[in-house]
Structures are given as C-alpha cells and as structure tokens.
Amino acid sequence: MTDKVIIKGTVKEENSNPLQNAKVYMETIGDFFTNEKGEFTIEIDSAKQTSYTLYFSYEGLTTIVRNYHIAMQSTVYDITLHKPYEGWGRGSLGGAPIIEDLGELPSISFKSSSFILNSTTKALLSSISTRMKEHPDSEIKITAYGKTPKQIKLSHKRIASIKNYLEENEGISSDRLLEVIEEEGPSNIVDIK
C-alpha cells in the first residue's frame, strides 16, 4: 500500500454543468474547492486514518455526503448537486408533479450519538427499498434533525449511513434519495417520507 492516496472527482449541478468553487469538506482534513472545470484533488496520508466523511456543497444546492475508507485506495467521485426539492417527483404531466405514493414509511431510531444501522433498521430499509423497486419513479426524503453543529454533523452521518445502505446493499439510485436537515424535530429519529 502506498503512503499517499489521491481522492479526486468532479462536482456538477443537475444540468451536468461543472460547479466552480463547490466546497468539498473532508472531516479532520479541511476544506477544498473545485476549479473552473468542477474538479478537485485531495491527497491524504494512508497511515493517518482509515475512514473519512466527505461533504460536497454549493450555495443554494443540497449537500451530498459520502463515506471514504482507506481500503478504497485512490478513488474518483462524480457528484451531482441538486436544487432543494419542493415536493416529490421530478417529472411532470400537464403541469402537475408525478407522485408515486409509497404509503406510510417507518421512522428510523438511533441510539444517542450513534449513526450505526442495527439489524432492525436494515430490515426496515430493505422493506422501503422493496416498495421503491415496485414504484421506479418514486423518491424518498430522508429527514434528520439538529440545531447545533455537533447535532447537524451527526444528522449528516445518520443520513449517509441510510443512503449508503440503500445504494450499496439494495441498489437504490442516489438521485432517488433526498437529504434534508431540519432544526425542529426529535434528535435521535430520522424520518423517511
């Protein structure tokens, strides 16, 4: 294993235009910004830490969170940031949004200060993914709550855990998983709607 690994990629907006000066925050490392082509490069020492959380953000667009583990070695991220969604559905029919209702979805409970998914949570997420596969145009909004920087950081980690599980274990596309952080709400609950 080499001493240094390179994490690089491109940040674009939903029309595939590159975003210059998009912020890439890498936990414990710091802030990086994309160039005029929307590209970024981060070099890290592989011996210092085994896992990192990356936050991709741009003013007026939703933040995307990705987890990186040193076992991934040098990695390329292709990130698309979207405008905040007013409601469900990206398509339209006669001016009205197309909404695929998945019915009542469960909330996810976490232990205080934890973002680890337990077996019960994974079973709930599997049932949600089954409904999403039955309704291929559906999206879910994953909402976590927090006011302080510490609470917001934990909320991002919880959402990232849920999104990563749905993407990597259940095959749900990331563009169907909308991320929301709200100030008012139960601190150890993540709502899925």
N, C-alpha and C. Protein backbone atom coordinates (compact mmCIF):
# COMPACT_ATOMS: atom_id res chain seq x y z
N MET A 1 0.85 -1.18 0.00
CA MET A 1 0.00 0.00 0.00
C MET A 1 0.89 1.24 0.00
N THR A 2 0.54 2.19 -0.81
CA THR A 2 1.33 3.42 -0.89
C THR A 2 1.06 4.30 0.33
N ASP A 3 1.98 5.23 0.59
CA ASP A 3 1.82 6.13 1.73
C ASP A 3 0.75 7.18 1.47
N LYS A 4 0.61 7.59 0.20
CA LYS A 4 -0.35 8.63 -0.15
C LYS A 4 -1.42 8.05 -1.07
N VAL A 5 -2.66 8.49 -0.86
CA VAL A 5 -3.73 8.14 -1.79
C VAL A 5 -4.35 9.44 -2.29
N ILE A 6 -4.89 9.37 -3.50
CA ILE A 6 -5.49 10.54 -4.14
C ILE A 6 -7.00 10.33 -4.22
N ILE A 7 -7.73 11.31 -3.72
CA ILE A 7 -9.19 11.32 -3.86
C ILE A 7 -9.49 12.49 -4.78
N LYS A 8 -10.10 12.20 -5.91
CA LYS A 8 -10.40 13.29 -6.85
C LYS A 8 -11.78 13.08 -7.45
N GLY A 9 -12.22 14.06 -8.21
CA GLY A 9 -13.52 13.93 -8.83
C GLY A 9 -14.02 15.23 -9.39
N THR A 10 -15.30 15.22 -9.74
CA THR A 10 -15.96 16.37 -10.36
C THR A 10 -17.27 16.63 -9.63
N VAL A 11 -17.58 17.91 -9.44
CA VAL A 11 -18.86 18.31 -8.86
C VAL A 11 -19.62 19.10 -9.91
N LYS A 12 -20.85 18.65 -10.21
CA LYS A 12 -21.68 19.30 -11.23
C LYS A 12 -23.03 19.63 -10.65
N GLU A 13 -23.76 20.50 -11.35
CA GLU A 13 -25.16 20.71 -10.98
C GLU A 13 -26.01 19.82 -11.86
N GLU A 14 -27.32 19.79 -11.60
CA GLU A 14 -28.17 18.77 -12.22
C GLU A 14 -28.24 18.83 -13.74
N ASN A 15 -27.86 19.94 -14.36
CA ASN A 15 -27.82 20.01 -15.83
C ASN A 15 -26.46 19.61 -16.37
N SER A 16 -25.64 18.97 -15.54
CA SER A 16 -24.30 18.47 -15.89
C SER A 16 -23.27 19.57 -16.10
N ASN A 17 -23.59 20.81 -15.72
CA ASN A 17 -22.60 21.88 -15.80
C ASN A 17 -21.67 21.80 -14.60
N PRO A 18 -20.35 21.93 -14.82
CA PRO A 18 -19.42 21.87 -13.69
C PRO A 18 -19.61 23.05 -12.75
N LEU A 19 -19.44 22.81 -11.46
CA LEU A 19 -19.58 23.86 -10.45
C LEU A 19 -18.20 24.31 -9.98
N GLN A 20 -17.85 25.55 -10.30
CA GLN A 20 -16.59 26.11 -9.81
C GLN A 20 -16.79 26.60 -8.37
N ASN A 21 -15.77 26.40 -7.53
CA ASN A 21 -15.80 26.80 -6.13
C ASN A 21 -16.83 26.06 -5.29
N ALA A 22 -17.23 24.85 -5.74
CA ALA A 22 -18.03 23.99 -4.87
C ALA A 22 -17.12 23.56 -3.72
N LYS A 23 -17.69 23.47 -2.53
CA LYS A 23 -16.88 23.13 -1.35
C LYS A 23 -16.87 21.62 -1.14
N VAL A 24 -15.69 21.08 -0.93
CA VAL A 24 -15.52 19.68 -0.56
C VAL A 24 -14.87 19.69 0.82
N TYR A 25 -15.67 19.34 1.83
CA TYR A 25 -15.14 19.31 3.19
C TYR A 25 -14.84 17.86 3.56
N MET A 26 -13.60 17.60 3.93
CA MET A 26 -13.20 16.26 4.34
C MET A 26 -12.90 16.30 5.82
N GLU A 27 -13.69 15.53 6.55
CA GLU A 27 -13.59 15.51 8.00
C GLU A 27 -12.15 15.27 8.46
N THR A 28 -11.70 16.05 9.40
CA THR A 28 -10.36 16.05 10.00
C THR A 28 -9.26 16.56 9.07
N ILE A 29 -9.56 16.77 7.79
CA ILE A 29 -8.55 17.26 6.83
C ILE A 29 -8.79 18.74 6.53
N GLY A 30 -10.06 19.11 6.23
CA GLY A 30 -10.36 20.51 5.96
C GLY A 30 -11.16 20.72 4.69
N ASP A 31 -11.20 21.99 4.25
CA ASP A 31 -11.98 22.40 3.08
C ASP A 31 -11.12 22.40 1.82
N PHE A 32 -11.75 21.99 0.72
CA PHE A 32 -11.15 22.08 -0.61
C PHE A 32 -12.22 22.66 -1.53
N PHE A 33 -11.80 23.29 -2.63
CA PHE A 33 -12.76 23.88 -3.55
C PHE A 33 -12.46 23.43 -4.97
N THR A 34 -13.53 23.29 -5.76
CA THR A 34 -13.36 22.83 -7.14
C THR A 34 -12.83 23.95 -8.02
N ASN A 35 -12.15 23.56 -9.10
CA ASN A 35 -11.63 24.54 -10.07
C ASN A 35 -12.72 24.90 -11.09
N GLU A 36 -12.34 25.63 -12.14
CA GLU A 36 -13.32 26.08 -13.13
C GLU A 36 -13.98 24.92 -13.89
N LYS A 37 -13.37 23.75 -13.87
CA LYS A 37 -13.96 22.57 -14.51
C LYS A 37 -14.76 21.73 -13.52
N GLY A 38 -14.92 22.23 -12.30
CA GLY A 38 -15.65 21.49 -11.27
C GLY A 38 -14.85 20.36 -10.66
N GLU A 39 -13.53 20.35 -10.88
CA GLU A 39 -12.69 19.23 -10.44
C GLU A 39 -12.00 19.55 -9.11
N PHE A 40 -11.75 18.51 -8.35
CA PHE A 40 -10.99 18.65 -7.10
C PHE A 40 -10.04 17.47 -6.96
N THR A 41 -8.96 17.68 -6.22
CA THR A 41 -7.99 16.62 -5.92
C THR A 41 -7.56 16.78 -4.47
N ILE A 42 -7.63 15.69 -3.72
CA ILE A 42 -7.20 15.69 -2.32
C ILE A 42 -6.19 14.56 -2.15
N GLU A 43 -5.04 14.89 -1.60
CA GLU A 43 -4.03 13.86 -1.32
C GLU A 43 -3.98 13.64 0.18
N ILE A 44 -4.11 12.37 0.60
CA ILE A 44 -4.08 12.09 2.04
C ILE A 44 -3.03 11.02 2.34
N ASP A 45 -2.59 11.04 3.57
CA ASP A 45 -1.64 10.05 4.07
C ASP A 45 -2.42 8.82 4.51
N SER A 46 -2.19 7.69 3.87
CA SER A 46 -2.97 6.49 4.14
C SER A 46 -2.74 5.93 5.54
N ALA A 47 -1.67 6.32 6.19
CA ALA A 47 -1.36 5.78 7.52
C ALA A 47 -2.06 6.53 8.65
N LYS A 48 -2.57 7.74 8.37
CA LYS A 48 -3.10 8.58 9.45
C LYS A 48 -4.47 8.13 9.95
N GLN A 49 -5.36 7.77 9.07
CA GLN A 49 -6.74 7.48 9.46
C GLN A 49 -7.31 6.49 8.46
N THR A 50 -8.25 5.63 8.88
CA THR A 50 -8.78 4.61 7.95
C THR A 50 -10.06 5.03 7.25
N SER A 51 -10.85 5.93 7.85
CA SER A 51 -12.09 6.33 7.19
C SER A 51 -12.35 7.82 7.37
N TYR A 52 -13.05 8.38 6.39
CA TYR A 52 -13.35 9.80 6.37
C TYR A 52 -14.78 10.00 5.87
N THR A 53 -15.37 11.13 6.24
CA THR A 53 -16.64 11.54 5.67
C THR A 53 -16.38 12.78 4.84
N LEU A 54 -16.91 12.79 3.60
CA LEU A 54 -16.76 13.93 2.70
C LEU A 54 -18.12 14.59 2.50
N TYR A 55 -18.14 15.92 2.57
CA TYR A 55 -19.36 16.70 2.36
C TYR A 55 -19.16 17.56 1.12
N PHE A 56 -20.04 17.41 0.14
CA PHE A 56 -19.96 18.19 -1.10
C PHE A 56 -21.09 19.21 -1.06
N SER A 57 -20.76 20.51 -1.15
CA SER A 57 -21.81 21.52 -1.03
C SER A 57 -21.56 22.70 -1.95
N TYR A 58 -22.65 23.42 -2.24
CA TYR A 58 -22.60 24.63 -3.06
C TYR A 58 -23.82 25.45 -2.65
N GLU A 59 -23.64 26.75 -2.53
CA GLU A 59 -24.73 27.60 -2.06
C GLU A 59 -25.98 27.42 -2.91
N GLY A 60 -27.12 27.19 -2.24
CA GLY A 60 -28.40 27.04 -2.92
C GLY A 60 -28.70 25.63 -3.38
N LEU A 61 -27.75 24.70 -3.19
CA LEU A 61 -27.96 23.31 -3.61
C LEU A 61 -27.84 22.40 -2.39
N THR A 62 -28.46 21.22 -2.48
CA THR A 62 -28.40 20.29 -1.35
C THR A 62 -27.01 19.70 -1.20
N THR A 63 -26.64 19.42 0.02
CA THR A 63 -25.33 18.83 0.33
C THR A 63 -25.38 17.32 0.12
N ILE A 64 -24.32 16.78 -0.47
CA ILE A 64 -24.18 15.33 -0.64
C ILE A 64 -23.09 14.85 0.31
N VAL A 65 -23.32 13.72 0.96
CA VAL A 65 -22.35 13.16 1.90
C VAL A 65 -21.90 11.79 1.39
N ARG A 66 -20.60 11.55 1.42
CA ARG A 66 -20.04 10.25 1.02
C ARG A 66 -19.04 9.80 2.07
N ASN A 67 -19.00 8.51 2.30
CA ASN A 67 -18.01 7.93 3.21
C ASN A 67 -16.87 7.35 2.39
N TYR A 68 -15.65 7.58 2.86
CA TYR A 68 -14.46 7.04 2.19
C TYR A 68 -13.70 6.18 3.20
N HIS A 69 -13.28 5.00 2.76
CA HIS A 69 -12.44 4.13 3.58
C HIS A 69 -11.13 3.91 2.85
N ILE A 70 -10.05 3.85 3.59
CA ILE A 70 -8.71 3.76 3.00
C ILE A 70 -8.56 2.52 2.11
N ALA A 71 -9.36 1.48 2.37
CA ALA A 71 -9.32 0.27 1.54
C ALA A 71 -9.74 0.57 0.10
N MET A 72 -10.45 1.69 -0.11
CA MET A 72 -10.88 2.07 -1.46
C MET A 72 -9.70 2.60 -2.28
N GLN A 73 -8.57 2.86 -1.62
CA GLN A 73 -7.37 3.39 -2.27
C GLN A 73 -7.69 4.71 -2.98
N SER A 74 -6.99 4.99 -4.08
CA SER A 74 -7.28 6.22 -4.84
C SER A 74 -8.64 6.07 -5.49
N THR A 75 -9.48 7.07 -5.32
CA THR A 75 -10.89 6.98 -5.70
C THR A 75 -11.31 8.22 -6.47
N VAL A 76 -12.27 8.05 -7.39
CA VAL A 76 -12.82 9.16 -8.15
C VAL A 76 -14.31 9.27 -7.82
N TYR A 77 -14.74 10.47 -7.44
CA TYR A 77 -16.15 10.74 -7.15
C TYR A 77 -16.73 11.62 -8.26
N ASP A 78 -17.89 11.23 -8.77
CA ASP A 78 -18.63 12.04 -9.73
C ASP A 78 -19.91 12.48 -9.01
N ILE A 79 -19.95 13.72 -8.57
CA ILE A 79 -21.02 14.21 -7.69
C ILE A 79 -21.91 15.18 -8.44
N THR A 80 -23.23 15.00 -8.30
CA THR A 80 -24.20 15.94 -8.85
C THR A 80 -25.00 16.53 -7.70
N LEU A 81 -24.97 17.86 -7.58
CA LEU A 81 -25.73 18.56 -6.54
C LEU A 81 -27.03 19.09 -7.14
N HIS A 82 -28.12 18.90 -6.42
CA HIS A 82 -29.45 19.29 -6.90
C HIS A 82 -29.99 20.48 -6.12
N LYS A 83 -30.96 21.16 -6.73
CA LYS A 83 -31.69 22.19 -6.02
C LYS A 83 -32.55 21.49 -4.97
N PRO A 84 -32.84 22.16 -3.85
CA PRO A 84 -33.73 21.55 -2.86
C PRO A 84 -35.09 21.26 -3.50
N TYR A 85 -35.65 20.12 -3.18
CA TYR A 85 -36.92 19.72 -3.78
C TYR A 85 -38.08 20.33 -3.01
N GLU A 86 -39.02 20.90 -3.76
CA GLU A 86 -40.22 21.47 -3.15
C GLU A 86 -41.19 20.36 -2.78
N GLY A 87 -41.17 19.29 -3.52
CA GLY A 87 -42.08 18.18 -3.26
C GLY A 87 -41.56 16.93 -3.91
N TRP A 88 -42.39 15.95 -4.04
CA TRP A 88 -41.99 14.67 -4.62
C TRP A 88 -41.98 14.75 -6.13
N GLY A 89 -41.25 13.88 -6.76
CA GLY A 89 -41.33 13.70 -8.20
C GLY A 89 -40.59 14.75 -8.98
N ARG A 90 -39.81 14.31 -9.96
CA ARG A 90 -39.07 15.24 -10.80
C ARG A 90 -39.81 15.48 -12.11
N GLY A 91 -40.66 14.54 -12.48
CA GLY A 91 -41.34 14.65 -13.77
C GLY A 91 -42.59 15.50 -13.64
N SER A 92 -43.22 15.77 -14.78
CA SER A 92 -44.49 16.48 -14.71
C SER A 92 -45.40 15.98 -15.82
N LEU A 93 -46.67 16.09 -15.57
CA LEU A 93 -47.68 15.65 -16.53
C LEU A 93 -48.77 16.71 -16.49
N GLY A 94 -48.87 17.49 -17.56
CA GLY A 94 -49.87 18.55 -17.59
C GLY A 94 -49.64 19.58 -16.49
N GLY A 95 -48.39 19.82 -16.13
CA GLY A 95 -48.08 20.82 -15.13
C GLY A 95 -48.13 20.31 -13.70
N ALA A 96 -48.69 19.13 -13.46
CA ALA A 96 -48.75 18.59 -12.10
C ALA A 96 -47.61 17.60 -11.89
N PRO A 97 -47.00 17.61 -10.72
CA PRO A 97 -45.91 16.67 -10.49
C PRO A 97 -46.40 15.23 -10.49
N ILE A 98 -45.56 14.34 -10.99
CA ILE A 98 -45.85 12.92 -10.92
C ILE A 98 -45.44 12.46 -9.53
N ILE A 99 -46.39 11.93 -8.79
CA ILE A 99 -46.10 11.48 -7.43
C ILE A 99 -46.42 10.00 -7.34
N GLU A 100 -45.44 9.23 -6.95
CA GLU A 100 -45.68 7.82 -6.67
C GLU A 100 -45.70 7.68 -5.17
N ASP A 101 -46.87 7.43 -4.62
CA ASP A 101 -47.01 7.35 -3.17
C ASP A 101 -46.60 5.97 -2.68
N LEU A 102 -45.62 5.95 -1.80
CA LEU A 102 -45.16 4.68 -1.23
C LEU A 102 -45.93 4.32 0.04
N GLY A 103 -46.91 5.15 0.41
CA GLY A 103 -47.65 4.89 1.63
C GLY A 103 -46.86 5.33 2.85
N GLU A 104 -47.33 4.93 4.00
CA GLU A 104 -46.69 5.29 5.27
C GLU A 104 -45.35 4.57 5.40
N LEU A 105 -44.29 5.32 5.62
CA LEU A 105 -42.96 4.73 5.78
C LEU A 105 -42.49 4.89 7.22
N PRO A 106 -41.71 3.93 7.71
CA PRO A 106 -41.28 3.99 9.11
C PRO A 106 -40.21 5.05 9.35
N SER A 107 -40.16 5.55 10.57
CA SER A 107 -39.05 6.39 11.01
C SER A 107 -37.95 5.47 11.53
N ILE A 108 -36.72 5.95 11.47
CA ILE A 108 -35.57 5.17 11.92
C ILE A 108 -35.08 5.76 13.25
N SER A 109 -34.95 4.92 14.26
CA SER A 109 -34.44 5.36 15.57
C SER A 109 -32.97 5.01 15.70
N PHE A 110 -32.21 5.95 16.26
CA PHE A 110 -30.79 5.73 16.54
C PHE A 110 -30.54 5.89 18.03
N LYS A 111 -29.56 5.16 18.54
CA LYS A 111 -29.11 5.39 19.91
C LYS A 111 -28.43 6.76 19.94
N SER A 112 -28.44 7.38 21.10
CA SER A 112 -27.83 8.70 21.26
C SER A 112 -26.38 8.69 20.78
N SER A 113 -26.03 9.67 19.96
CA SER A 113 -24.68 9.86 19.40
C SER A 113 -24.24 8.77 18.43
N SER A 114 -25.15 7.89 18.01
CA SER A 114 -24.77 6.79 17.10
C SER A 114 -25.32 7.04 15.70
N PHE A 115 -24.61 6.54 14.70
CA PHE A 115 -25.11 6.55 13.33
C PHE A 115 -25.01 5.15 12.72
N ILE A 116 -24.81 4.14 13.56
CA ILE A 116 -24.68 2.75 13.12
C ILE A 116 -26.07 2.15 12.89
N LEU A 117 -26.24 1.44 11.79
CA LEU A 117 -27.51 0.78 11.48
C LEU A 117 -27.53 -0.59 12.15
N ASN A 118 -28.57 -0.86 12.94
CA ASN A 118 -28.70 -2.19 13.54
C ASN A 118 -29.53 -3.10 12.63
N SER A 119 -29.70 -4.35 13.01
CA SER A 119 -30.39 -5.32 12.13
C SER A 119 -31.85 -4.94 11.91
N THR A 120 -32.50 -4.36 12.92
CA THR A 120 -33.90 -3.93 12.77
C THR A 120 -33.99 -2.80 11.74
N THR A 121 -33.08 -1.84 11.83
CA THR A 121 -33.05 -0.73 10.88
C THR A 121 -32.80 -1.22 9.47
N LYS A 122 -31.86 -2.15 9.31
CA LYS A 122 -31.57 -2.70 7.98
C LYS A 122 -32.80 -3.41 7.40
N ALA A 123 -33.56 -4.11 8.24
CA ALA A 123 -34.78 -4.78 7.78
C ALA A 123 -35.82 -3.75 7.33
N LEU A 124 -35.95 -2.64 8.08
CA LEU A 124 -36.87 -1.57 7.68
C LEU A 124 -36.45 -0.96 6.35
N LEU A 125 -35.14 -0.72 6.18
CA LEU A 125 -34.65 -0.14 4.93
C LEU A 125 -34.85 -1.10 3.77
N SER A 126 -34.71 -2.39 4.01
CA SER A 126 -34.96 -3.38 2.95
C SER A 126 -36.42 -3.35 2.52
N SER A 127 -37.34 -3.18 3.48
CA SER A 127 -38.76 -3.12 3.12
C SER A 127 -39.07 -1.84 2.34
N ILE A 128 -38.40 -0.74 2.70
CA ILE A 128 -38.57 0.51 1.95
C ILE A 128 -38.05 0.35 0.53
N SER A 129 -36.89 -0.29 0.37
CA SER A 129 -36.32 -0.47 -0.97
C SER A 129 -37.21 -1.36 -1.83
N THR A 130 -37.87 -2.35 -1.22
CA THR A 130 -38.80 -3.20 -1.97
C THR A 130 -39.93 -2.35 -2.54
N ARG A 131 -40.48 -1.45 -1.72
CA ARG A 131 -41.55 -0.56 -2.20
C ARG A 131 -41.03 0.36 -3.30
N MET A 132 -39.80 0.85 -3.14
CA MET A 132 -39.22 1.75 -4.15
C MET A 132 -39.01 1.02 -5.47
N LYS A 133 -38.63 -0.24 -5.41
CA LYS A 133 -38.43 -1.03 -6.64
C LYS A 133 -39.76 -1.29 -7.34
N GLU A 134 -40.84 -1.39 -6.55
CA GLU A 134 -42.17 -1.58 -7.13
C GLU A 134 -42.69 -0.28 -7.76
N HIS A 135 -42.13 0.85 -7.34
CA HIS A 135 -42.52 2.17 -7.86
C HIS A 135 -41.26 2.88 -8.35
N PRO A 136 -40.80 2.56 -9.57
CA PRO A 136 -39.50 3.05 -10.03
C PRO A 136 -39.37 4.57 -10.18
N ASP A 137 -40.47 5.31 -10.19
CA ASP A 137 -40.37 6.77 -10.27
C ASP A 137 -40.46 7.44 -8.91
N SER A 138 -40.48 6.65 -7.86
CA SER A 138 -40.62 7.22 -6.52
C SER A 138 -39.28 7.73 -5.99
N GLU A 139 -39.38 8.65 -5.06
CA GLU A 139 -38.23 9.17 -4.32
C GLU A 139 -38.59 9.14 -2.85
N ILE A 140 -37.59 9.13 -2.00
CA ILE A 140 -37.87 9.31 -0.58
C ILE A 140 -37.08 10.50 -0.07
N LYS A 141 -37.65 11.15 0.92
CA LYS A 141 -36.99 12.27 1.58
C LYS A 141 -36.54 11.78 2.95
N ILE A 142 -35.24 11.82 3.18
CA ILE A 142 -34.66 11.36 4.44
C ILE A 142 -34.37 12.61 5.27
N THR A 143 -35.12 12.77 6.36
CA THR A 143 -35.03 13.99 7.17
C THR A 143 -34.47 13.70 8.55
N ALA A 144 -33.38 14.36 8.88
CA ALA A 144 -32.80 14.27 10.23
C ALA A 144 -32.85 15.66 10.85
N TYR A 145 -32.64 15.71 12.15
CA TYR A 145 -32.87 16.95 12.88
C TYR A 145 -31.65 17.35 13.70
N GLY A 146 -31.41 18.65 13.77
CA GLY A 146 -30.30 19.14 14.58
C GLY A 146 -30.19 20.65 14.51
N LYS A 147 -29.80 21.26 15.63
CA LYS A 147 -29.61 22.72 15.70
C LYS A 147 -28.14 23.08 15.81
N THR A 148 -27.43 22.39 16.69
CA THR A 148 -26.02 22.73 16.92
C THR A 148 -25.14 22.09 15.85
N PRO A 149 -23.94 22.62 15.63
CA PRO A 149 -23.04 22.00 14.64
C PRO A 149 -22.81 20.51 14.91
N LYS A 150 -22.70 20.14 16.19
CA LYS A 150 -22.49 18.73 16.55
C LYS A 150 -23.69 17.88 16.14
N GLN A 151 -24.91 18.38 16.42
CA GLN A 151 -26.13 17.65 16.05
C GLN A 151 -26.27 17.55 14.53
N ILE A 152 -25.95 18.64 13.83
CA ILE A 152 -26.05 18.64 12.36
C ILE A 152 -25.06 17.65 11.76
N LYS A 153 -23.86 17.62 12.29
CA LYS A 153 -22.84 16.68 11.82
C LYS A 153 -23.31 15.24 12.02
N LEU A 154 -23.88 14.94 13.20
CA LEU A 154 -24.40 13.60 13.47
C LEU A 154 -25.57 13.27 12.54
N SER A 155 -26.43 14.26 12.28
CA SER A 155 -27.56 14.05 11.36
C SER A 155 -27.07 13.70 9.97
N HIS A 156 -26.02 14.40 9.49
CA HIS A 156 -25.44 14.07 8.18
C HIS A 156 -24.90 12.65 8.16
N LYS A 157 -24.25 12.24 9.24
CA LYS A 157 -23.71 10.87 9.31
C LYS A 157 -24.83 9.83 9.29
N ARG A 158 -25.91 10.11 9.99
CA ARG A 158 -27.05 9.18 10.01
C ARG A 158 -27.67 9.06 8.63
N ILE A 159 -27.87 10.19 7.97
CA ILE A 159 -28.43 10.15 6.61
C ILE A 159 -27.47 9.40 5.68
N ALA A 160 -26.17 9.66 5.81
CA ALA A 160 -25.18 8.98 4.96
C ALA A 160 -25.23 7.47 5.18
N SER A 161 -25.39 7.03 6.43
CA SER A 161 -25.49 5.59 6.72
C SER A 161 -26.70 4.98 6.01
N ILE A 162 -27.83 5.68 6.09
CA ILE A 162 -29.06 5.19 5.45
C ILE A 162 -28.90 5.16 3.94
N LYS A 163 -28.41 6.27 3.37
CA LYS A 163 -28.24 6.34 1.91
C LYS A 163 -27.25 5.28 1.41
N ASN A 164 -26.12 5.15 2.11
CA ASN A 164 -25.13 4.16 1.68
C ASN A 164 -25.70 2.75 1.72
N TYR A 165 -26.49 2.44 2.73
CA TYR A 165 -27.09 1.10 2.81
C TYR A 165 -28.06 0.88 1.64
N LEU A 166 -28.92 1.87 1.39
CA LEU A 166 -29.89 1.73 0.30
C LEU A 166 -29.20 1.64 -1.07
N GLU A 167 -28.12 2.40 -1.25
CA GLU A 167 -27.40 2.37 -2.53
C GLU A 167 -26.59 1.09 -2.69
N GLU A 168 -25.77 0.76 -1.70
CA GLU A 168 -24.82 -0.33 -1.84
C GLU A 168 -25.43 -1.70 -1.60
N ASN A 169 -26.39 -1.81 -0.68
CA ASN A 169 -26.97 -3.12 -0.35
C ASN A 169 -28.28 -3.39 -1.08
N GLU A 170 -29.01 -2.32 -1.41
CA GLU A 170 -30.33 -2.51 -2.01
C GLU A 170 -30.40 -2.04 -3.46
N GLY A 171 -29.35 -1.40 -3.96
CA GLY A 171 -29.31 -0.99 -5.37
C GLY A 171 -30.20 0.19 -5.71
N ILE A 172 -30.53 1.02 -4.74
CA ILE A 172 -31.36 2.20 -4.99
C ILE A 172 -30.45 3.35 -5.43
N SER A 173 -30.81 4.00 -6.53
CA SER A 173 -30.00 5.10 -7.07
C SER A 173 -30.02 6.30 -6.13
N SER A 174 -28.85 6.94 -5.98
CA SER A 174 -28.72 8.07 -5.05
C SER A 174 -29.62 9.25 -5.42
N ASP A 175 -29.95 9.41 -6.71
CA ASP A 175 -30.79 10.55 -7.09
C ASP A 175 -32.25 10.37 -6.67
N ARG A 176 -32.59 9.21 -6.12
CA ARG A 176 -33.94 8.98 -5.59
C ARG A 176 -33.99 9.18 -4.07
N LEU A 177 -32.85 9.54 -3.49
CA LEU A 177 -32.75 9.68 -2.04
C LEU A 177 -32.44 11.14 -1.70
N LEU A 178 -33.44 11.86 -1.26
CA LEU A 178 -33.30 13.29 -0.99
C LEU A 178 -32.94 13.50 0.47
N GLU A 179 -32.00 14.39 0.71
CA GLU A 179 -31.47 14.61 2.06
C GLU A 179 -31.92 15.95 2.61
N VAL A 180 -32.48 15.93 3.82
CA VAL A 180 -32.96 17.17 4.45
C VAL A 180 -32.51 17.18 5.92
N ILE A 181 -32.00 18.33 6.36
CA ILE A 181 -31.70 18.55 7.78
C ILE A 181 -32.62 19.68 8.25
N GLU A 182 -33.40 19.42 9.29
CA GLU A 182 -34.28 20.45 9.85
C GLU A 182 -33.90 20.71 11.31
N GLU A 183 -34.15 21.93 11.76
CA GLU A 183 -33.80 22.29 13.14
C GLU A 183 -34.74 21.65 14.15
N GLU A 184 -36.04 21.74 13.88
CA GLU A 184 -37.03 21.28 14.86
C GLU A 184 -37.42 19.84 14.60
N GLY A 185 -37.22 18.99 15.61
CA GLY A 185 -37.60 17.60 15.48
C GLY A 185 -36.87 16.74 16.49
N PRO A 186 -37.26 15.47 16.59
CA PRO A 186 -36.64 14.56 17.56
C PRO A 186 -35.19 14.26 17.20
N SER A 187 -34.29 14.42 18.16
CA SER A 187 -32.86 14.36 17.86
C SER A 187 -32.35 12.98 17.47
N ASN A 188 -33.00 11.90 17.91
CA ASN A 188 -32.50 10.56 17.60
C ASN A 188 -33.37 9.81 16.60
N ILE A 189 -34.18 10.55 15.86
CA ILE A 189 -35.08 9.96 14.86
C ILE A 189 -34.72 10.52 13.49
N VAL A 190 -34.75 9.64 12.48
CA VAL A 190 -34.66 10.07 11.09
C VAL A 190 -35.96 9.67 10.42
N ASP A 191 -36.67 10.66 9.87
CA ASP A 191 -37.95 10.40 9.22
C ASP A 191 -37.73 10.10 7.75
N ILE A 192 -38.50 9.16 7.23
CA ILE A 192 -38.45 8.81 5.81
C ILE A 192 -39.85 8.98 5.26
N LYS A 193 -39.97 9.83 4.23
CA LYS A 193 -41.29 10.13 3.67
C LYS A 193 -41.24 10.03 2.16
